[in-house]
Protein backbone atom coordinates (compact mmCIF):
# COMPACT_ATOMS: atom_id res chain seq x y z
CA MET A 1 -19.42 -16.87 -32.62
CA LEU A 2 -17.29 -15.58 -35.49
CA SER A 3 -18.87 -12.14 -35.16
CA THR A 4 -18.05 -12.08 -31.45
CA TYR A 5 -14.44 -13.03 -32.19
CA LEU A 6 -14.10 -10.35 -34.86
CA VAL A 7 -15.45 -7.65 -32.54
CA ALA A 8 -13.18 -8.82 -29.71
CA ARG A 9 -10.14 -8.88 -31.99
CA ARG A 10 -10.91 -5.42 -33.39
CA ASP A 11 -11.29 -3.85 -29.95
CA TYR A 12 -8.33 -5.71 -28.43
CA LEU A 13 -5.96 -4.69 -31.21
CA GLY A 14 -7.25 -1.15 -30.93
CA TYR A 15 -6.32 -1.08 -27.24
CA VAL A 16 -2.91 -2.78 -27.38
CA THR A 17 -1.66 -0.84 -30.42
CA ALA A 18 -2.24 2.49 -28.69
CA TRP A 19 0.93 3.98 -27.21
CA GLY A 20 -1.01 5.14 -24.16
CA PHE A 21 -1.75 1.51 -23.22
CA TRP A 22 1.92 0.53 -23.15
CA LEU A 23 2.87 3.73 -21.41
CA GLY A 24 0.36 3.02 -18.67
CA LEU A 25 1.44 -0.63 -18.56
CA LEU A 26 5.04 0.33 -17.90
CA LEU A 27 4.36 3.30 -15.64
CA THR A 28 1.84 1.62 -13.34
CA PRO A 29 4.33 -0.67 -11.52
CA VAL A 30 6.87 2.16 -11.48
CA LEU A 31 4.37 4.56 -9.88
CA LEU A 32 3.24 1.90 -7.42
CA GLY A 33 6.85 1.26 -6.47
CA ILE A 34 7.47 4.97 -6.01
CA GLY A 35 4.35 5.22 -3.85
CA ILE A 36 5.55 2.36 -1.66
CA LEU A 37 9.09 3.66 -1.41
CA ALA A 38 8.14 7.34 -1.16
CA PRO A 39 8.51 7.56 2.65
CA SER A 40 11.97 5.97 2.49
CA LEU A 41 12.99 8.12 -0.46
CA ALA A 42 11.79 11.24 1.32
CA ALA A 43 13.71 10.28 4.45
CA SER A 44 16.91 9.51 2.52
CA SER A 45 16.72 12.79 0.61
CA GLN A 46 16.35 14.82 3.79
CA PRO A 47 19.13 17.43 4.04
CA THR A 48 21.42 17.50 7.06
CA ARG A 49 20.08 19.98 9.60
CA TYR A 50 22.38 21.63 12.08
CA PHE A 51 21.34 22.45 15.64
CA THR A 52 23.00 23.63 18.79
CA ILE A 53 22.49 23.13 22.52
CA ILE A 54 22.96 25.76 25.20
CA GLU A 55 23.10 24.59 28.84
CA THR A 56 25.17 25.22 31.90
CA GLY A 57 26.33 21.61 32.27
CA ASP A 58 26.39 18.79 29.71
CA GLU A 59 23.75 16.33 31.00
CA PHE A 60 21.15 17.15 28.35
CA THR A 61 23.80 17.43 25.62
CA LYS A 62 25.11 13.94 26.36
CA ALA A 63 21.55 12.55 26.32
CA ILE A 64 20.87 14.11 22.91
CA ARG A 65 24.11 12.71 21.52
CA SER A 66 23.24 9.28 22.88
CA GLU A 67 19.82 9.39 21.20
CA LEU A 68 21.31 10.40 17.84
CA ASP A 69 23.93 7.66 18.12
CA SER A 70 21.22 5.09 18.90
CA ILE A 71 19.26 6.13 15.80
CA ALA A 72 22.37 5.83 13.60
CA ALA A 73 23.18 2.43 15.14
CA GLU A 74 19.65 1.15 14.51
CA LEU A 75 19.80 2.19 10.85
CA ALA A 76 23.17 0.48 10.45
CA ARG A 77 21.87 -2.63 12.21
CA THR A 78 18.86 -2.78 9.90
CA SER A 79 21.08 -2.47 6.83
CA LEU A 80 22.84 -5.71 7.81
CA ASP A 81 19.66 -7.78 7.28
CA PRO A 82 16.49 -5.84 6.32
CA VAL A 83 14.46 -9.04 5.86
CA ALA A 84 15.13 -10.27 9.40
CA THR A 85 14.22 -6.83 10.75
CA LEU A 86 10.89 -6.85 8.88
CA GLN A 87 10.10 -10.29 10.27
CA GLY A 88 10.94 -9.20 13.82
CA GLU A 89 13.86 -11.63 14.00
CA GLU A 90 17.57 -11.24 14.68
CA SER A 91 20.20 -12.54 12.26
CA GLU A 92 23.69 -13.70 13.17
CA ARG A 93 25.25 -10.55 11.69
CA GLN A 94 22.95 -8.36 13.76
CA GLN A 95 23.94 -10.28 16.89
CA LEU A 96 27.61 -9.63 16.11
CA PHE A 97 26.77 -5.94 15.65
CA ASP A 98 25.02 -5.81 19.04
CA GLU A 99 27.93 -7.55 20.77
CA ALA A 100 30.39 -5.07 19.29
CA ARG A 101 28.27 -2.14 20.38
CA GLN A 102 27.97 -3.50 23.91
CA SER A 103 31.76 -3.81 24.10
CA GLY A 104 32.05 -0.08 23.39
CA ALA A 105 32.63 -0.03 19.62
CA THR A 106 31.39 2.87 17.54
CA THR A 107 28.63 2.34 15.00
CA GLN A 108 31.11 2.17 12.11
CA GLU A 109 33.37 -0.24 14.01
CA ALA A 110 30.41 -2.47 14.92
CA LEU A 111 29.27 -2.43 11.30
CA ASP A 112 32.73 -3.56 10.17
CA ALA A 113 32.88 -6.25 12.86
CA ALA A 114 29.54 -7.67 11.73
CA GLY A 115 30.74 -7.96 8.13
CA GLY A 116 28.69 -5.06 6.83
CA ALA A 117 29.35 -3.39 3.53
CA PRO A 118 32.51 -1.28 3.61
CA ILE A 119 30.68 2.03 3.51
CA GLU A 120 31.29 5.29 5.26
CA LEU A 121 28.39 6.42 7.37
CA THR A 122 27.01 9.71 6.09
CA LEU A 123 26.07 12.67 8.21
CA GLY A 124 22.84 12.13 10.09
CA ASP A 125 19.63 14.03 9.62
CA PHE A 126 20.59 16.20 12.60
CA VAL A 127 24.13 17.26 13.46
CA GLU A 128 25.14 19.18 16.58
CA VAL A 129 27.37 22.23 16.20
CA PRO A 130 28.94 24.51 18.84
CA PRO A 131 26.61 27.37 19.82
CA PRO A 132 27.41 30.53 17.85
CA ALA A 133 25.81 32.56 20.66
CA ARG A 134 24.85 31.94 24.28
CA THR A 135 21.34 33.40 24.44
CA ALA A 136 18.11 32.77 22.53
CA GLU A 137 17.95 36.40 21.47
CA ALA A 138 21.47 36.29 20.00
CA LEU A 139 20.65 33.04 18.16
CA LYS A 140 17.71 34.54 16.23
CA PRO A 141 19.79 35.84 13.26
CA TYR A 142 21.23 32.33 12.80
CA LEU A 143 17.79 30.72 12.97
CA LEU A 144 16.41 33.23 10.45
CA GLY A 145 19.31 32.65 8.04
CA GLN A 146 20.58 36.18 8.36
CA GLN A 147 23.85 34.79 9.70
CA LEU A 148 25.38 31.40 8.83
CA ILE A 149 27.40 28.86 10.77
CA ASP A 150 30.43 26.88 9.62
CA THR A 151 29.67 23.23 8.81
CA PRO A 152 31.42 20.37 6.93
CA GLU A 153 29.14 21.26 4.01
CA GLY A 154 30.02 24.93 4.10
CA PRO A 155 28.12 27.90 5.57
CA LYS A 156 24.58 26.88 6.55
CA PRO A 157 21.70 28.40 8.54
CA LEU A 158 20.99 27.07 12.01
CA PHE A 159 17.99 24.73 11.95
CA ALA A 160 17.18 24.69 15.67
CA ALA A 161 18.50 25.55 19.09
CA LEU A 162 17.80 23.82 22.41
CA VAL A 163 18.17 26.16 25.36
CA VAL A 164 18.21 24.75 28.90
CA SER A 165 17.49 27.39 31.54
CA GLU A 166 20.17 28.14 34.14
CA ASP A 167 18.10 26.58 36.90
CA GLY A 168 17.57 23.47 34.71
CA GLU A 169 13.79 23.61 35.11
CA THR A 170 12.81 24.32 31.49
CA ILE A 171 14.01 23.39 28.01
CA GLU A 172 13.14 25.68 25.09
CA TYR A 173 13.12 24.46 21.48
CA TRP A 174 13.75 27.28 18.99
CA SER A 175 13.20 26.71 15.26
CA GLU A 176 11.53 28.40 12.31
CA ASN A 177 10.50 25.04 10.82
CA LEU A 178 7.05 24.42 12.30
CA GLN A 179 6.40 21.13 10.47
CA SER A 180 9.44 19.00 11.28
CA ARG A 181 9.11 17.70 14.83
CA ALA A 182 11.68 14.90 14.66
CA LEU A 183 14.35 16.78 16.61
CA MET A 184 11.80 17.79 19.23
CA ASP A 185 10.79 14.13 19.61
CA ILE A 186 14.46 13.18 20.00
CA SER A 187 14.81 15.88 22.66
CA ARG A 188 11.81 14.59 24.56
CA ALA A 189 13.16 11.03 24.42
CA ALA A 190 16.50 12.26 25.77
CA GLU A 191 14.83 14.14 28.60
CA ARG A 192 12.71 11.11 29.44
CA LYS A 193 15.87 9.01 29.89
CA ILE A 194 17.40 11.72 32.06
CA ALA A 195 14.28 11.73 34.25
CA GLU A 196 14.36 7.92 34.51
CA GLU A 197 18.02 8.06 35.52
CA ARG A 198 17.22 10.55 38.28
CA ILE A 199 14.32 8.49 39.60
CA PHE A 200 16.33 5.27 39.63
CA THR A 201 19.30 6.95 41.28
CA ALA A 202 17.06 8.45 43.99
CA ALA A 203 15.58 5.01 44.62
CA GLY A 204 19.01 3.40 44.77
CA VAL A 205 18.29 1.24 41.72
CA SER A 206 20.55 0.72 38.73
CA SER A 207 19.56 2.61 35.61
CA ARG A 208 20.10 -0.63 33.70
CA LEU A 209 17.03 -2.09 35.38
CA LEU A 210 14.71 -1.40 32.45
CA ASP A 211 17.21 -2.77 29.95
CA ASP A 212 17.69 -5.89 32.06
CA ALA A 213 13.93 -6.33 32.31
CA ARG A 214 13.63 -5.93 28.54
CA ASP A 215 16.32 -8.55 27.95
CA ALA A 216 14.71 -10.95 30.39
CA ARG A 217 11.24 -10.79 28.92
CA ARG A 218 9.70 -13.96 27.54
CA ASP A 219 8.66 -14.19 23.92
CA VAL A 220 4.99 -14.74 23.06
CA VAL A 221 4.86 -17.55 20.51
CA ALA A 222 1.74 -17.83 18.32
CA GLN A 223 0.17 -21.28 18.36
CA ARG A 224 -2.96 -22.73 16.81
CA ALA A 225 -5.11 -25.74 17.64
CA ARG A 226 -5.67 -26.55 13.97
CA PRO A 227 -2.80 -28.59 12.47
CA THR A 228 -0.09 -26.36 11.06
CA SER A 229 2.22 -26.87 8.12
CA ASP A 230 4.65 -28.66 10.45
CA ALA A 231 2.97 -31.76 11.85
CA ALA A 232 5.48 -31.96 14.69
CA SER A 233 4.70 -28.50 16.03
CA SER A 234 1.68 -26.28 16.55
CA GLU A 235 3.75 -23.08 16.34
CA VAL A 236 2.55 -20.62 13.71
CA THR A 237 5.10 -20.17 10.92
CA LEU A 238 5.24 -18.22 7.68
CA SER A 239 3.60 -21.17 5.91
CA ASP A 240 0.54 -20.66 8.10
CA GLN A 241 0.49 -16.88 7.71
CA ALA A 242 1.19 -16.85 3.96
CA PRO A 243 -2.41 -17.64 2.87
CA PHE A 244 -3.71 -14.63 4.81
CA ILE A 245 -1.02 -12.36 3.34
CA VAL A 246 -1.66 -13.67 -0.17
CA SER A 247 -5.45 -13.40 0.12
CA ILE A 248 -5.24 -9.69 0.98
CA ALA A 249 -2.73 -9.10 -1.84
CA MET A 250 -4.97 -10.97 -4.29
CA ALA A 251 -8.03 -9.00 -3.25
CA PHE A 252 -6.18 -5.71 -3.72
CA ALA A 253 -4.84 -6.85 -7.11
CA LEU A 254 -8.30 -8.00 -8.19
CA TRP A 255 -9.84 -4.66 -7.24
CA PHE A 256 -7.09 -2.71 -8.98
CA LEU A 257 -7.33 -4.83 -12.13
CA ILE A 258 -11.11 -4.53 -12.43
CA PHE A 259 -11.01 -0.83 -11.65
CA SER A 260 -8.33 -0.33 -14.32
CA VAL A 261 -9.83 -2.23 -17.25
CA ILE A 262 -13.49 -1.28 -16.96
CA ASN A 263 -12.52 2.27 -17.81
CA TYR A 264 -11.58 1.03 -21.30
CA LEU A 265 -15.14 -0.21 -21.79
CA LEU A 266 -16.59 3.12 -20.74
CA MET A 267 -14.29 5.30 -22.84
CA GLY A 268 -14.46 3.08 -25.92
CA THR A 269 -18.24 2.91 -25.88
CA ILE A 270 -18.61 6.68 -25.44
CA GLU A 271 -16.26 7.27 -28.38
CA GLU A 272 -18.18 4.89 -30.64
CA ARG A 273 -21.52 6.41 -29.69
CA SER A 274 -20.34 9.99 -30.22
CA ASN A 275 -18.75 9.09 -33.58
CA LYS A 276 -21.81 7.13 -34.75
CA ILE A 277 -19.73 3.96 -35.12
CA PHE A 278 -22.52 1.96 -33.50
CA ASP A 279 -24.62 2.21 -36.65
CA SER A 280 -21.87 0.69 -38.80
CA LEU A 281 -21.15 -2.10 -36.33
CA LEU A 282 -24.80 -3.09 -35.93
CA THR A 283 -25.17 -3.52 -39.68
CA SER A 284 -22.51 -6.26 -39.55
CA VAL A 285 -23.03 -8.04 -36.21
CA SER A 286 -25.90 -8.65 -33.83
CA LEU A 287 -26.19 -6.71 -30.61
CA PRO A 288 -25.42 -9.72 -28.32
CA SER A 289 -22.31 -10.51 -30.39
CA LEU A 290 -21.22 -6.87 -30.19
CA LEU A 291 -21.68 -6.78 -26.43
CA ALA A 292 -19.94 -10.13 -25.89
CA GLY A 293 -17.06 -9.17 -28.18
CA LYS A 294 -16.40 -5.96 -26.28
CA LEU A 295 -16.41 -7.75 -22.94
CA LEU A 296 -14.05 -10.43 -24.28
CA ALA A 297 -11.70 -7.81 -25.73
CA VAL A 298 -11.21 -6.05 -22.41
CA LEU A 299 -11.00 -9.40 -20.62
CA ALA A 300 -8.12 -10.31 -22.96
CA LEU A 301 -6.64 -6.92 -22.16
CA ALA A 302 -6.77 -7.72 -18.44
CA LEU A 303 -5.09 -11.07 -19.06
CA THR A 304 -2.37 -9.24 -21.00
CA LEU A 305 -1.80 -6.94 -18.03
CA MET A 306 -1.62 -9.90 -15.65
CA ALA A 307 0.78 -11.79 -17.92
CA PHE A 308 3.05 -8.77 -18.32
CA TRP A 309 3.15 -7.98 -14.60
CA GLY A 310 3.46 -11.67 -13.70
CA ILE A 311 6.44 -12.25 -15.99
CA GLY A 312 8.04 -9.02 -14.84
CA SER A 313 7.56 -9.89 -11.17
CA ALA A 314 9.01 -13.39 -11.75
CA ALA A 315 12.05 -11.94 -13.49
CA ILE A 316 12.63 -9.41 -10.70
CA GLY A 317 12.12 -12.14 -8.10
CA MET A 318 14.68 -14.43 -9.75
CA PHE A 319 17.20 -11.60 -9.90
CA ALA A 320 16.54 -10.59 -6.31
CA SER A 321 16.85 -14.17 -5.05
CA GLN A 322 20.45 -14.23 -6.28
CA GLN A 323 21.26 -11.01 -4.43
CA LEU A 324 19.50 -11.74 -1.14
CA SER A 325 19.89 -14.43 1.47
CA PRO A 326 18.62 -18.02 0.93
CA ASP A 327 16.08 -17.47 3.71
CA PHE A 328 14.48 -14.69 1.69
CA ALA A 329 14.23 -16.95 -1.38
CA ASN A 330 12.67 -19.73 0.70
CA ASN A 331 10.13 -17.31 2.17
CA ALA A 332 9.27 -16.06 -1.33
CA LEU A 333 8.69 -19.64 -2.49
CA THR A 334 6.45 -20.23 0.53
CA VAL A 335 4.31 -17.21 -0.34
CA LEU A 336 4.20 -18.23 -4.01
CA GLY A 337 3.08 -21.73 -3.05
CA ALA A 338 0.24 -20.27 -1.00
CA ALA A 339 -0.80 -18.06 -3.93
CA LEU A 340 -0.98 -21.06 -6.29
CA HIS A 341 -2.91 -23.27 -3.88
CA PRO A 342 -6.28 -24.32 -5.37
CA SER A 343 -8.17 -23.09 -2.29
CA LEU A 344 -7.09 -19.53 -3.18
CA ILE A 345 -6.42 -19.45 -6.90
CA VAL A 346 -9.72 -21.08 -7.93
CA PRO A 347 -12.00 -18.67 -5.99
CA ALA A 348 -9.79 -15.80 -7.15
CA VAL A 349 -10.22 -16.69 -10.83
CA ILE A 350 -13.98 -17.21 -10.46
CA SER A 351 -14.31 -13.96 -8.52
CA PHE A 352 -12.37 -12.05 -11.13
CA ILE A 353 -14.46 -13.35 -14.04
CA LEU A 354 -17.81 -12.75 -12.33
CA GLY A 355 -16.72 -9.42 -10.88
CA TYR A 356 -15.49 -8.30 -14.27
CA LEU A 357 -18.78 -9.30 -15.91
CA MET A 358 -20.78 -7.39 -13.30
CA TYR A 359 -18.82 -4.16 -13.35
CA GLY A 360 -17.82 -4.42 -17.01
CA SER A 361 -21.41 -4.74 -18.21
CA LEU A 362 -22.45 -1.86 -15.93
CA PHE A 363 -19.84 0.47 -17.37
CA LEU A 364 -20.56 -0.74 -20.89
CA ALA A 365 -24.23 0.10 -20.44
CA LEU A 366 -23.28 3.44 -18.93
CA GLY A 367 -21.12 4.33 -21.92
CA SER A 368 -23.90 3.49 -24.37
CA LEU A 369 -26.05 6.25 -22.85
CA CYS A 370 -23.49 9.04 -23.02
CA ASP A 371 -22.09 11.12 -25.85
CA THR A 372 -19.45 12.90 -23.74
CA ILE A 373 -17.35 12.29 -20.64
CA GLN A 374 -19.24 15.07 -18.87
CA GLU A 375 -22.49 13.14 -19.29
CA ALA A 376 -20.86 9.94 -18.08
CA GLN A 377 -19.66 11.58 -14.88
CA THR A 378 -23.21 12.17 -13.69
CA LEU A 379 -23.92 8.43 -13.86
CA MET A 380 -20.45 7.16 -13.05
CA THR A 381 -20.13 8.67 -9.56
CA PRO A 382 -22.46 6.15 -7.82
CA LEU A 383 -20.59 3.24 -9.40
CA ILE A 384 -17.22 4.63 -8.34
CA VAL A 385 -18.52 5.01 -4.79
CA LEU A 386 -19.78 1.42 -4.97
CA LEU A 387 -16.32 0.25 -5.99
CA MET A 388 -14.63 2.21 -3.21
CA VAL A 389 -16.57 0.42 -0.46
CA PRO A 390 -14.76 -2.93 -0.84
CA LEU A 391 -11.45 -1.06 -1.03
CA PHE A 392 -12.10 0.40 2.42
CA MET A 393 -12.99 -3.07 3.66
CA LEU A 394 -9.74 -4.46 2.26
CA THR A 395 -7.70 -1.94 4.23
CA PHE A 396 -9.66 -2.91 7.34
CA ALA A 397 -9.08 -6.63 6.62
CA ILE A 398 -5.32 -6.18 6.96
CA SER A 399 -5.75 -6.10 10.74
CA ASP A 400 -8.80 -8.37 11.03
CA ALA A 401 -9.84 -10.44 8.03
CA GLN A 402 -12.37 -12.36 10.15
CA SER A 403 -14.36 -9.31 11.18
CA PRO A 404 -18.13 -9.89 11.38
CA ILE A 405 -18.76 -6.95 9.07
CA ILE A 406 -16.63 -8.56 6.35
CA GLU A 407 -18.39 -11.89 6.85
CA ALA A 408 -21.71 -10.08 6.42
CA MET A 409 -20.72 -7.92 3.43
CA VAL A 410 -19.36 -10.90 1.52
CA TRP A 411 -23.00 -11.94 0.96
CA ILE A 412 -23.62 -8.75 -1.06
CA PRO A 413 -22.91 -9.88 -4.66
CA VAL A 414 -21.25 -6.63 -5.81
CA PHE A 415 -18.74 -6.95 -2.95
CA THR A 416 -18.30 -10.73 -3.06
CA PRO A 417 -15.58 -10.76 -5.79
CA PHE A 418 -13.22 -8.84 -3.51
CA LEU A 419 -14.18 -10.07 -0.04
CA LEU A 420 -14.69 -13.79 -0.69
CA ILE A 421 -10.96 -14.36 -1.14
CA LEU A 422 -10.31 -12.93 2.32
CA ARG A 423 -12.37 -15.68 3.93
CA MET A 424 -10.69 -18.62 2.20
CA PRO A 425 -7.63 -18.92 4.52
CA THR A 426 -10.01 -19.28 7.50
CA ASP A 427 -11.46 -22.49 6.01
CA PRO A 428 -15.11 -21.35 5.91
CA PRO A 429 -17.85 -23.98 5.42
CA MET A 430 -17.83 -25.00 1.78
CA ILE A 431 -21.61 -24.72 1.60
CA GLU A 432 -21.25 -20.99 2.38
CA VAL A 433 -18.54 -20.58 -0.24
CA PHE A 434 -20.64 -22.29 -2.92
CA ALA A 435 -23.69 -20.28 -1.86
CA GLN A 436 -21.77 -17.01 -2.16
CA LEU A 437 -20.32 -18.02 -5.53
CA GLY A 438 -23.78 -19.03 -6.73
CA LEU A 439 -25.32 -15.78 -5.53
CA MET A 440 -22.59 -13.84 -7.29
CA ALA A 441 -23.17 -15.82 -10.50
CA VAL A 442 -26.92 -15.11 -10.38
CA ALA A 443 -26.27 -11.41 -9.76
CA ALA A 444 -23.76 -11.30 -12.64
CA ALA A 445 -26.30 -12.91 -14.99
CA LEU A 446 -29.04 -10.49 -13.89
CA ILE A 447 -26.80 -7.43 -14.25
CA LEU A 448 -25.62 -8.65 -17.64
CA TYR A 449 -29.24 -9.08 -18.79
CA LEU A 450 -30.27 -5.62 -17.59
CA ALA A 451 -27.11 -4.07 -19.02
CA THR A 452 -27.94 -5.63 -22.38
CA ARG A 453 -31.36 -3.97 -22.30
CA VAL A 454 -29.79 -0.61 -21.46
CA TYR A 455 -27.09 -1.11 -24.10
CA ARG A 456 -29.77 -1.80 -26.70
CA ALA A 457 -31.65 1.33 -25.69
CA GLY A 458 -28.53 3.46 -25.96
CA ALA A 459 -26.91 1.89 -29.03
CA VAL A 460 -29.99 1.17 -31.13
CA HIS A 461 -32.66 3.59 -29.95
CA GLY A 462 -30.39 6.49 -29.01
CA ALA A 463 -31.43 6.76 -25.35
CA GLY A 464 -29.34 9.14 -23.29
CA VAL A 465 -28.73 10.44 -19.79
CA ALA A 466 -31.94 12.48 -19.86
CA ASP A 467 -33.94 9.30 -20.46
CA VAL A 468 -32.32 7.70 -17.41
CA TRP A 469 -33.30 10.62 -15.17
CA ALA A 470 -36.78 10.59 -16.65
CA PHE A 471 -37.11 6.89 -15.87
CA PHE A 472 -36.11 7.39 -12.22
CA GLY A 473 -38.38 10.43 -12.06
CA LYS A 474 -41.36 8.22 -12.85
CA LEU A 475 -40.51 6.07 -9.83
CA ILE A 476 -40.90 8.99 -7.41
CA PRO A 477 -44.43 8.88 -5.92
CA GLY A 478 -46.58 11.86 -6.79
CA ARG A 479 -44.37 13.03 -9.67
CA LYS A 480 -45.91 12.91 -13.11
CA ALA A 481 -43.89 12.26 -16.23
CA GLU A 482 -43.31 15.26 -18.39
CA SER A 483 -45.46 15.36 -21.48
């Protein structure tokens, strides 16, 4: 036991004292945050693009302006209460904004009336300018940047031009930017509304008919026969949905944590084998103690990661709760309560430990056979593919966690650590849960036993990648072992 502790302490201190560990620890949440916010950041950093419209009348021009104004109003409305927008609800401030807009107020005036932040709305992504020429041919130098137009930001090239034919039958969209299709989509939406207006007018029906129908629609309220968190109502609330949200988040976090830390086992073992450190270690401790110590060291490393991210998330949550509405804080507490419920946290902890033992011992055995990273890559690819399968299932589970394929794959021990958690909010039969946990425990013990044999062959007897291929070659019928 003392030998195991000494090996675990040596490896753990070796990991946590390396500057790369702390750099990765700090950068990982930052990079994840950037990845989540990247679409919003890209949209907010989009430069203002200037376009012009050429038509005989002003029907299409007015429709385009209305579409752009609606987009700006929707962004301003969302800024009043982003949480309510995400939940598909409508806050009191957003209702005030809508009332002001319906009374004819501009977006900025409606924002002020609703008590929004006293900000000045910036230029939109697309801004209309007077046409510098009246034909598509004459507009080409402006579209190519050979001639510039006057804008509030100074001389700029023309991004696009919309040309309505004199007979009004066709609309041409001219632009040298072949990737950005946002303005074209806005144009199509504007034309669709014009066509609806014509159809309704020809039929003698008010163009407000669709809006009235939209306002008069009934809401579809989710209910469930099983008792909900509120005994007086069967309506589905956040308290009922939180376990499903948390289970998916836990499964993703579990996969990411295991995938992150097992790499330390692989790299550390390859380094010790290539530097002949194994020989020195085996003169001081037994092979089982060495193996157990290394697994415990990286397990402690994973716990360090969880503690660091957990404390950081709690601190950010406490700060955010003071800045956001009380409803947001209450919702966060509801989700946190679901995450700490024994029906989720206990299977999650067991799944993490057994999953770590399975994959950790596999990568430890893999590292004991390789002297270089290049050698490890030949054996590592199948394991990486194996780990990617549950990740694909997790993305699928976001829309349907009770899919039959997930219920079937959860019985495969190497996938159970990640998929079992997804089933817990559906209250599966406990006999199935215990059976799956037991099967996973048996598989973990078997993999750990076989990994120990491989680790002994690599660490003590110097077996390598060539020996692995030779072993599998013997299993192929009709192929004789090389003499």
